[in-house]
Amino acid sequence: MCLAIPARVVSVDSDDMATVALEGIRKPVSTALLEEVAVGDYLLVHVGYALHKLSEEEAERTLQLMAEAGVLAEELEEMTGGSKAEAPA
């Protein structure tokens, strides 16, 4: 389905990149569309781009709604390219 999904920043990398984590999955994302990003921020991520910062409460509420609607597992599988979750580094 390819929805935007909230994820927490675990590292801020060079060249407008950061690594986000969700449910044990870590992915690099472009932060070029945002002004400032820090470790611990929650970002709305879509196809490898961070689109918007959101509060932890908003991120949790969105993830809960996605799980209730039955789309969270599908989005997580899509994030991993259909493979099992990547172990945290």
Protein backbone atom coordinates (compact mmCIF):
# COMPACT_ATOMS: atom_id res chain seq x y z
CA MET A 1 0.00 0.00 0.00
CA CYS A 2 2.98 2.32 0.69
CA LEU A 3 1.68 4.69 3.35
CA ALA A 4 3.79 7.20 5.24
CA ILE A 5 4.75 5.71 8.61
CA PRO A 6 6.11 7.25 11.83
CA ALA A 7 9.61 6.17 12.92
CA ARG A 8 12.10 7.34 15.58
CA VAL A 9 15.50 8.80 14.62
CA VAL A 10 18.34 6.69 16.05
CA SER A 11 21.21 8.51 14.34
CA VAL A 12 21.76 11.65 12.32
CA ASP A 13 24.15 10.92 9.48
CA SER A 14 25.93 13.12 6.95
CA ASP A 15 24.55 14.61 3.75
CA ASP A 16 20.95 15.16 4.94
CA MET A 17 20.52 11.54 5.98
CA ALA A 18 19.37 9.88 9.20
CA THR A 19 18.67 6.35 10.37
CA VAL A 20 15.21 5.63 11.74
CA ALA A 21 13.95 2.61 13.67
CA LEU A 22 10.56 0.98 14.03
CA GLU A 23 9.77 -2.47 15.42
CA GLY A 24 13.42 -3.54 15.18
CA ILE A 25 13.77 -2.33 11.61
CA ARG A 26 16.41 0.31 10.88
CA LYS A 27 16.39 2.25 7.63
CA PRO A 28 18.31 5.20 6.22
CA VAL A 29 16.10 8.11 5.16
CA SER A 30 16.69 11.46 3.53
CA THR A 31 16.06 14.43 5.80
CA ALA A 32 16.58 16.99 3.02
CA LEU A 33 12.95 18.14 3.27
CA LEU A 34 13.24 19.06 6.97
CA GLU A 35 15.14 21.92 8.62
CA GLU A 36 16.52 20.19 11.72
CA VAL A 37 16.48 16.57 12.82
CA ALA A 38 17.83 15.18 16.09
CA VAL A 39 18.20 11.73 17.64
CA GLY A 40 14.91 10.89 19.35
CA ASP A 41 12.72 12.87 16.93
CA TYR A 42 9.77 11.11 15.34
CA LEU A 43 9.47 11.51 11.60
CA LEU A 44 6.75 10.66 9.13
CA VAL A 45 8.61 8.59 6.50
CA HIS A 46 7.49 7.73 2.98
CA VAL A 47 9.59 5.95 0.33
CA GLY A 48 12.88 6.85 1.99
CA TYR A 49 12.10 10.51 2.70
CA ALA A 50 11.27 12.14 6.03
CA LEU A 51 8.29 14.37 5.28
CA HIS A 52 7.34 15.83 8.65
CA LYS A 53 8.29 15.83 12.33
CA LEU A 54 5.66 14.72 14.82
CA SER A 55 5.36 14.29 18.56
CA GLU A 56 5.91 10.94 20.24
CA GLU A 57 2.22 10.88 21.21
CA GLU A 58 1.11 11.53 17.63
CA ALA A 59 3.50 8.85 16.34
CA GLU A 60 2.21 6.28 18.86
CA ARG A 61 -1.42 7.16 18.10
CA THR A 62 -0.82 6.84 14.36
CA LEU A 63 0.96 3.48 14.74
CA GLN A 64 -1.85 2.20 16.93
CA LEU A 65 -4.46 3.23 14.37
CA MET A 66 -2.44 1.61 11.58
CA ALA A 67 -2.20 -1.63 13.60
CA GLU A 68 -5.95 -1.59 14.31
CA ALA A 69 -6.66 -1.06 10.61
CA GLY A 70 -4.41 -4.01 9.77
CA VAL A 71 -1.94 -2.05 7.65
CA LEU A 72 1.04 -1.73 10.02
CA ALA A 73 2.37 -5.25 9.41
CA GLU A 74 2.06 -4.73 5.65
CA GLU A 75 3.99 -1.44 5.84
CA LEU A 76 6.72 -3.01 8.00
CA GLU A 77 7.09 -5.85 5.51
CA GLU A 78 7.34 -3.33 2.70
CA MET A 79 10.07 -1.43 4.62
CA THR A 80 12.17 -4.58 4.74
CA GLY A 81 11.53 -5.53 1.13
CA GLY A 82 9.52 -8.55 2.24
CA SER A 83 12.25 -9.96 4.48
CA LYS A 84 12.20 -10.36 8.24
CA ALA A 85 12.98 -7.36 10.41
CA GLU A 86 16.63 -6.34 10.44
CA ALA A 87 18.30 -6.71 13.82
CA PRO A 88 19.24 -3.43 15.48
CA ALA A 89 22.92 -2.51 15.20
